[in-house]
């Protein structure tokens, strides 16, 4: 018994160290998994090309901002922007140039917005701007600021000295009546954007206020 006692103590010590190492490793693994899951959730809600929030992210942002707008007793606005003749540019210059145009267009739109506005890449060359706690009378002015930001200067210089300019057609919709309806706002802003296209592009059209 006297001979076995030191060995038992060594075994207990080793087992304790192994248990501690296992607990630490399990904690580190759980933390890594949590971070990976958070990054995957973030990536799922972000457009990989432009860095904007994507279409999937719109619903949760709208719900939160609509409730905030209700508390502030202010309206909510939405812009639907479609880059003019983007497909022609993409076909003529290639997808790499098209991607650069989309990236730079997103930056210009963001720079023209207020801190509280939220930009989403809706798909292809379409962007949506959510404007929380915004009176309906301000929607048109913000839309015009976005239009001018894209029209203002060539968006890309090509080798050889040629430049690419781009414009956008924008439809705006607003509501001051709660509960706010995201589908209704999107449909009305989209219809107004099509109207801007039909009327010659590079312009802003506003849907009737509700």
Protein backbone atom coordinates (compact mmCIF):
# COMPACT_ATOMS: atom_id res chain seq x y z
CA UNK A 1 0.00 0.00 0.00
CA UNK A 2 2.82 2.39 0.86
CA UNK A 3 4.36 1.77 -2.59
CA UNK A 4 1.12 2.31 -4.49
CA UNK A 5 0.16 5.57 -2.73
CA UNK A 6 2.68 7.83 -4.57
CA UNK A 7 1.68 6.27 -7.89
CA UNK A 8 -2.00 6.90 -7.15
CA UNK A 9 -1.20 10.53 -6.35
CA UNK A 10 0.64 10.86 -9.66
CA UNK A 11 -2.29 9.31 -11.52
CA UNK A 12 -4.78 11.65 -9.79
CA UNK A 13 -2.57 14.65 -10.66
CA UNK A 14 -2.27 13.61 -14.29
CA UNK A 15 -6.02 13.03 -14.52
CA UNK A 16 -6.65 16.45 -13.03
CA UNK A 17 -4.33 18.10 -15.53
CA UNK A 18 -5.99 16.22 -18.40
CA UNK A 19 -9.44 17.28 -17.18
CA UNK A 20 -8.36 20.92 -16.96
CA UNK A 21 -6.84 20.78 -20.46
CA UNK A 22 -10.03 19.20 -21.79
CA UNK A 23 -12.19 21.91 -20.22
CA UNK A 24 -9.96 24.66 -21.66
CA UNK A 25 -9.93 23.04 -25.11
CA UNK A 26 -13.71 22.59 -25.04
CA UNK A 27 -14.17 26.26 -24.11
CA UNK A 28 -11.86 27.41 -26.89
CA UNK A 29 -13.64 25.18 -29.40
CA UNK A 30 -17.05 26.48 -28.32
CA UNK A 31 -15.84 30.08 -28.64
CA UNK A 32 -14.43 29.38 -32.10
CA UNK A 33 -17.71 27.78 -33.18
CA UNK A 34 -19.68 30.73 -31.84
CA UNK A 35 -17.46 33.19 -33.73
CA UNK A 36 -17.75 31.12 -36.90
CA UNK A 37 -21.52 31.00 -36.55
CA UNK A 38 -21.69 34.76 -36.02
CA UNK A 39 -19.48 35.37 -39.05
CA UNK A 40 -21.62 33.06 -41.18
CA UNK A 41 -24.80 34.82 -40.03
CA UNK A 42 -23.21 38.19 -40.82
CA UNK A 43 -22.03 37.00 -44.24
CA UNK A 44 -25.48 35.64 -45.01
CA UNK A 45 -26.92 39.15 -44.56
CA UNK A 46 -24.20 41.00 -46.48
CA UNK A 47 -23.58 41.36 -50.19
CA UNK A 48 -20.08 40.04 -50.83
CA UNK A 49 -19.35 42.40 -53.74
CA UNK A 50 -20.43 45.79 -52.42
CA UNK A 51 -20.38 45.18 -48.66
CA UNK A 52 -23.95 46.47 -48.40
CA UNK A 53 -26.64 44.63 -46.52
CA UNK A 54 -28.47 42.27 -48.84
CA UNK A 55 -32.09 41.46 -49.54
CA UNK A 56 -32.26 38.89 -46.73
CA UNK A 57 -31.31 41.55 -44.19
CA UNK A 58 -34.08 43.92 -45.20
CA UNK A 59 -36.94 42.33 -43.25
CA UNK A 60 -35.27 42.46 -39.83
CA UNK A 61 -33.99 46.00 -40.39
CA UNK A 62 -37.40 47.16 -41.56
CA UNK A 63 -39.18 45.73 -38.53
CA UNK A 64 -36.77 47.43 -36.11
CA UNK A 65 -36.76 50.79 -37.89
CA UNK A 66 -40.52 50.78 -38.43
CA UNK A 67 -41.06 50.41 -34.69
CA UNK A 68 -38.57 53.20 -33.98
CA UNK A 69 -40.33 55.44 -36.51
CA UNK A 70 -43.64 54.70 -34.82
CA UNK A 71 -42.26 55.70 -31.43
CA UNK A 72 -40.89 58.94 -32.88
CA UNK A 73 -44.23 59.57 -34.65
CA UNK A 74 -42.48 60.10 -37.95
CA UNK A 75 -42.96 58.48 -41.32
CA UNK A 76 -40.77 56.03 -43.16
CA UNK A 77 -39.45 56.26 -46.71
CA UNK A 78 -37.97 53.90 -49.25
CA UNK A 79 -36.03 54.37 -52.50
CA UNK A 80 -35.69 51.86 -55.30
CA UNK A 81 -32.69 52.72 -57.51
CA UNK A 82 -31.83 50.97 -60.78
CA UNK A 83 -28.57 51.83 -62.58
CA UNK A 84 -29.38 52.94 -66.12
CA UNK A 85 -28.26 50.73 -69.02
CA UNK A 86 -26.00 48.70 -66.75
CA UNK A 87 -26.45 45.52 -68.80
CA UNK A 88 -25.09 47.30 -71.88
CA UNK A 89 -22.01 48.43 -69.96
CA UNK A 90 -21.53 44.96 -68.51
CA UNK A 91 -21.80 43.32 -71.95
CA UNK A 92 -19.49 45.86 -73.58
CA UNK A 93 -16.73 46.00 -70.95
CA UNK A 94 -17.02 42.65 -69.18
CA UNK A 95 -18.09 41.47 -65.75
CA UNK A 96 -14.93 42.63 -63.98
CA UNK A 97 -15.63 46.21 -65.02
CA UNK A 98 -19.30 45.72 -64.18
CA UNK A 99 -18.37 44.62 -60.67
CA UNK A 100 -16.18 47.71 -60.20
CA UNK A 101 -19.05 49.93 -61.33
CA UNK A 102 -21.39 48.30 -58.80
CA UNK A 103 -18.85 48.68 -55.98
CA UNK A 104 -18.27 52.35 -56.73
CA UNK A 105 -21.95 53.05 -57.27
CA UNK A 106 -22.69 51.61 -53.82
CA UNK A 107 -20.04 53.87 -52.23
CA UNK A 108 -21.44 56.96 -53.94
CA UNK A 109 -24.96 56.14 -52.85
CA UNK A 110 -23.80 55.61 -49.27
CA UNK A 111 -21.92 58.92 -49.30
CA UNK A 112 -25.09 60.72 -50.41
CA UNK A 113 -27.23 59.25 -47.63
CA UNK A 114 -27.70 60.31 -44.03
CA UNK A 115 -26.23 58.32 -41.16
CA UNK A 116 -29.62 56.88 -40.31
CA UNK A 117 -30.38 55.62 -43.84
CA UNK A 118 -29.73 51.98 -44.72
CA UNK A 119 -28.53 50.76 -48.12
CA UNK A 120 -29.29 47.29 -49.50
CA UNK A 121 -28.14 45.68 -52.71
CA UNK A 122 -31.40 44.24 -53.95
CA UNK A 123 -30.04 42.25 -56.86
CA UNK A 124 -28.07 42.87 -60.04
CA UNK A 125 -27.87 46.62 -60.54
CA UNK A 126 -30.75 47.40 -58.15
CA UNK A 127 -30.37 49.07 -54.76
CA UNK A 128 -32.91 49.83 -52.05
CA UNK A 129 -32.56 52.61 -49.48
CA UNK A 130 -34.56 52.42 -46.26
CA UNK A 131 -35.08 55.84 -44.68
CA UNK A 132 -36.40 55.45 -41.13
CA UNK A 133 -38.17 58.22 -39.19
CA UNK A 134 -38.33 60.37 -42.33
CA UNK A 135 -41.20 62.74 -43.11
CA UNK A 136 -42.67 62.07 -46.58
CA UNK A 137 -41.69 65.53 -47.81
CA UNK A 138 -37.97 64.70 -47.38
CA UNK A 139 -37.98 61.55 -49.51
CA UNK A 140 -37.72 63.34 -52.85
CA UNK A 141 -34.79 65.51 -51.75
CA UNK A 142 -32.79 62.47 -50.58
CA UNK A 143 -33.54 60.64 -53.82
CA UNK A 144 -32.36 63.61 -55.88
CA UNK A 145 -29.15 63.78 -53.85
CA UNK A 146 -28.47 60.12 -54.68
CA UNK A 147 -29.20 60.69 -58.37
CA UNK A 148 -26.82 63.65 -58.54
CA UNK A 149 -24.08 61.73 -56.71
CA UNK A 150 -24.05 59.08 -59.43
CA UNK A 151 -24.42 61.52 -62.31
CA UNK A 152 -21.84 63.98 -61.02
CA UNK A 153 -18.60 62.52 -62.39
CA UNK A 154 -17.41 59.48 -64.37
CA UNK A 155 -17.47 56.45 -62.15
CA UNK A 156 -14.52 54.61 -63.68
CA UNK A 157 -11.46 55.42 -65.79
CA UNK A 158 -10.40 52.76 -68.30
CA UNK A 159 -6.92 52.07 -69.69
CA UNK A 160 -6.27 54.40 -72.59
CA UNK A 161 -7.95 57.38 -70.97
CA UNK A 162 -11.62 56.66 -71.69
CA UNK A 163 -14.11 56.98 -68.84
CA UNK A 164 -17.41 55.38 -67.89
CA UNK A 165 -20.24 57.52 -66.61
CA UNK A 166 -23.41 56.14 -65.12
CA UNK A 167 -26.82 57.42 -64.09
CA UNK A 168 -29.69 55.94 -62.14
CA UNK A 169 -33.46 56.00 -62.18
CA UNK A 170 -35.01 56.21 -58.73
CA UNK A 171 -38.50 55.55 -57.43
CA UNK A 172 -39.51 56.78 -54.01
CA UNK A 173 -42.36 55.82 -51.70
CA UNK A 174 -43.31 56.89 -48.21
CA UNK A 175 -45.85 56.29 -45.51
CA UNK A 176 -46.84 58.14 -42.38
CA UNK A 177 -49.52 55.66 -41.33
CA UNK A 178 -48.65 52.89 -38.87
CA UNK A 179 -48.38 49.92 -39.16
CA UNK A 180 -45.94 50.41 -42.01
CA UNK A 181 -46.16 47.82 -44.79
CA UNK A 182 -42.79 46.84 -46.26
CA UNK A 183 -44.30 45.03 -49.25
CA UNK A 184 -46.49 48.01 -50.12
CA UNK A 185 -43.57 50.44 -49.90
CA UNK A 186 -41.36 48.22 -52.07
CA UNK A 187 -44.05 47.74 -54.71
CA UNK A 188 -44.83 51.44 -54.92
CA UNK A 189 -41.17 52.47 -55.05
CA UNK A 190 -40.48 49.82 -57.71
CA UNK A 191 -43.42 51.04 -59.80
CA UNK A 192 -42.18 54.64 -59.48
CA UNK A 193 -38.71 53.50 -60.59
CA UNK A 194 -40.20 51.92 -63.71
CA UNK A 195 -42.02 55.17 -64.37
CA UNK A 196 -38.69 57.02 -64.16
CA UNK A 197 -37.24 54.57 -66.71
CA UNK A 198 -40.15 55.08 -69.08
CA UNK A 199 -39.83 58.86 -68.85
CA UNK A 200 -36.24 58.86 -70.04
CA UNK A 201 -34.08 57.56 -67.14
CA UNK A 202 -31.78 59.53 -64.86
CA UNK A 203 -34.69 60.97 -62.93
CA UNK A 204 -36.67 60.62 -59.73
CA UNK A 205 -40.33 59.67 -59.58
CA UNK A 206 -42.33 59.55 -56.36
CA UNK A 207 -45.30 57.30 -55.68
CA UNK A 208 -48.43 58.97 -54.24
CA UNK A 209 -48.10 59.35 -50.49
CA UNK A 210 -50.01 57.07 -48.12
